[in-house]
Amino acid sequence: MSIADFPPIDLRAELARRGMSQRSLAQSINAEEASVSRWANGLKIPDHWRPKIAEALGLVIDGPVSDE
């Protein structure tokens, strides 16, 4: 998966698949739980959060990823 493929992710389904709560994801990426909730409910995940979420979920990203 490349970072360009990440936005369509169903965050709610990915969390459920891993038995992970929104709170635990928020804590692992140092984000507000309310933000994770909004993303899980369909709000577009901002570009700078995508690599952190992918890493926390164990998703494979091919190629360089900028955190900027």
C-alpha atoms as a PDB file:
ATOM      1  CA  MET A   1       0.000   0.000   0.000  1.00  0.00           C
ATOM      2  CA  SER A   2       1.341   3.422  -0.833  1.00  0.00           C
ATOM      3  CA  ILE A   3       0.463   6.534   1.104  1.00  0.00           C
ATOM      4  CA  ALA A   4      -1.575   7.653  -1.928  1.00  0.00           C
ATOM      5  CA  ASP A   5      -3.816   4.623  -1.371  1.00  0.00           C
ATOM      6  CA  PHE A   6      -4.404   5.399   2.281  1.00  0.00           C
ATOM      7  CA  PRO A   7      -7.266   7.969   2.237  1.00  0.00           C
ATOM      8  CA  PRO A   8     -10.018   5.520   1.208  1.00  0.00           C
ATOM      9  CA  ILE A   9      -9.397   3.380   4.280  1.00  0.00           C
ATOM     10  CA  ASP A  10     -12.411   2.578   6.401  1.00  0.00           C
ATOM     11  CA  LEU A  11     -10.841   3.510   9.718  1.00  0.00           C
ATOM     12  CA  ARG A  12     -13.741   2.125  11.735  1.00  0.00           C
ATOM     13  CA  ALA A  13     -13.407  -1.278  10.010  1.00  0.00           C
ATOM     14  CA  GLU A  14      -9.618  -1.318  10.407  1.00  0.00           C
ATOM     15  CA  LEU A  15      -9.929  -0.606  14.120  1.00  0.00           C
ATOM     16  CA  ALA A  16     -12.558  -3.335  14.516  1.00  0.00           C
ATOM     17  CA  ARG A  17     -10.433  -5.814  12.553  1.00  0.00           C
ATOM     18  CA  ARG A  18      -7.587  -5.225  14.995  1.00  0.00           C
ATOM     19  CA  GLY A  19      -9.746  -5.061  18.121  1.00  0.00           C
ATOM     20  CA  MET A  20      -8.404  -1.557  18.672  1.00  0.00           C
ATOM     21  CA  SER A  21     -10.423   1.285  20.154  1.00  0.00           C
ATOM     22  CA  GLN A  22     -10.479   4.842  18.898  1.00  0.00           C
ATOM     23  CA  ARG A  23      -9.017   5.850  22.249  1.00  0.00           C
ATOM     24  CA  SER A  24      -6.054   3.488  21.929  1.00  0.00           C
ATOM     25  CA  LEU A  25      -5.344   4.703  18.391  1.00  0.00           C
ATOM     26  CA  ALA A  26      -5.535   8.317  19.558  1.00  0.00           C
ATOM     27  CA  GLN A  27      -3.108   7.578  22.386  1.00  0.00           C
ATOM     28  CA  SER A  28      -0.696   5.694  20.133  1.00  0.00           C
ATOM     29  CA  ILE A  29      -0.484   8.560  17.623  1.00  0.00           C
ATOM     30  CA  ASN A  30      -0.767  11.362  20.207  1.00  0.00           C
ATOM     31  CA  ALA A  31      -3.991  12.749  18.725  1.00  0.00           C
ATOM     32  CA  GLU A  32      -7.242  13.914  20.248  1.00  0.00           C
ATOM     33  CA  GLU A  33      -9.765  11.113  20.623  1.00  0.00           C
ATOM     34  CA  ALA A  34     -12.401  13.418  19.100  1.00  0.00           C
ATOM     35  CA  SER A  35     -10.303  13.714  15.936  1.00  0.00           C
ATOM     36  CA  VAL A  36     -10.001   9.940  15.613  1.00  0.00           C
ATOM     37  CA  SER A  37     -13.752   9.681  16.120  1.00  0.00           C
ATOM     38  CA  ARG A  38     -14.394  12.151  13.303  1.00  0.00           C
ATOM     39  CA  TRP A  39     -12.017  10.271  10.989  1.00  0.00           C
ATOM     40  CA  ALA A  40     -13.683   6.958  11.875  1.00  0.00           C
ATOM     41  CA  ASN A  41     -17.009   8.551  10.972  1.00  0.00           C
ATOM     42  CA  GLY A  42     -15.833   9.547   7.514  1.00  0.00           C
ATOM     43  CA  LEU A  43     -14.036  12.893   7.839  1.00  0.00           C
ATOM     44  CA  LYS A  44     -10.979  12.961   5.564  1.00  0.00           C
ATOM     45  CA  ILE A  45      -7.826  12.135   7.474  1.00  0.00           C
ATOM     46  CA  PRO A  46      -5.345  15.030   7.163  1.00  0.00           C
ATOM     47  CA  ASP A  47      -2.217  14.160   5.198  1.00  0.00           C
ATOM     48  CA  HIS A  48       0.145  14.605   8.140  1.00  0.00           C
ATOM     49  CA  TRP A  49      -1.755  12.018  10.216  1.00  0.00           C
ATOM     50  CA  ARG A  50      -1.892   9.293   7.551  1.00  0.00           C
ATOM     51  CA  PRO A  51       1.641   7.893   8.073  1.00  0.00           C
ATOM     52  CA  LYS A  52       1.159   7.817  11.848  1.00  0.00           C
ATOM     53  CA  ILE A  53      -2.170   6.013  11.545  1.00  0.00           C
ATOM     54  CA  ALA A  54      -0.762   3.570   8.998  1.00  0.00           C
ATOM     55  CA  GLU A  55       2.121   2.737  11.313  1.00  0.00           C
ATOM     56  CA  ALA A  56      -0.161   2.346  14.338  1.00  0.00           C
ATOM     57  CA  LEU A  57      -2.419   0.005  12.364  1.00  0.00           C
ATOM     58  CA  GLY A  58       0.510  -1.977  10.983  1.00  0.00           C
ATOM     59  CA  LEU A  59      -0.251  -1.057   7.378  1.00  0.00           C
ATOM     60  CA  VAL A  60       2.634  -1.368   4.924  1.00  0.00           C
ATOM     61  CA  ILE A  61       3.578   1.789   3.069  1.00  0.00           C
ATOM     62  CA  ASP A  62       5.829   1.509   0.037  1.00  0.00           C
ATOM     63  CA  GLY A  63       8.254   4.297  -0.673  1.00  0.00           C
ATOM     64  CA  PRO A  64       9.183   7.411   1.268  1.00  0.00           C
ATOM     65  CA  VAL A  65       6.591   9.106   3.421  1.00  0.00           C
ATOM     66  CA  SER A  66       6.894  12.713   4.448  1.00  0.00           C
ATOM     67  CA  ASP A  67       5.609  13.846   7.817  1.00  0.00           C
ATOM     68  CA  GLU A  68       5.309  17.447   6.623  1.00  0.00           C
END
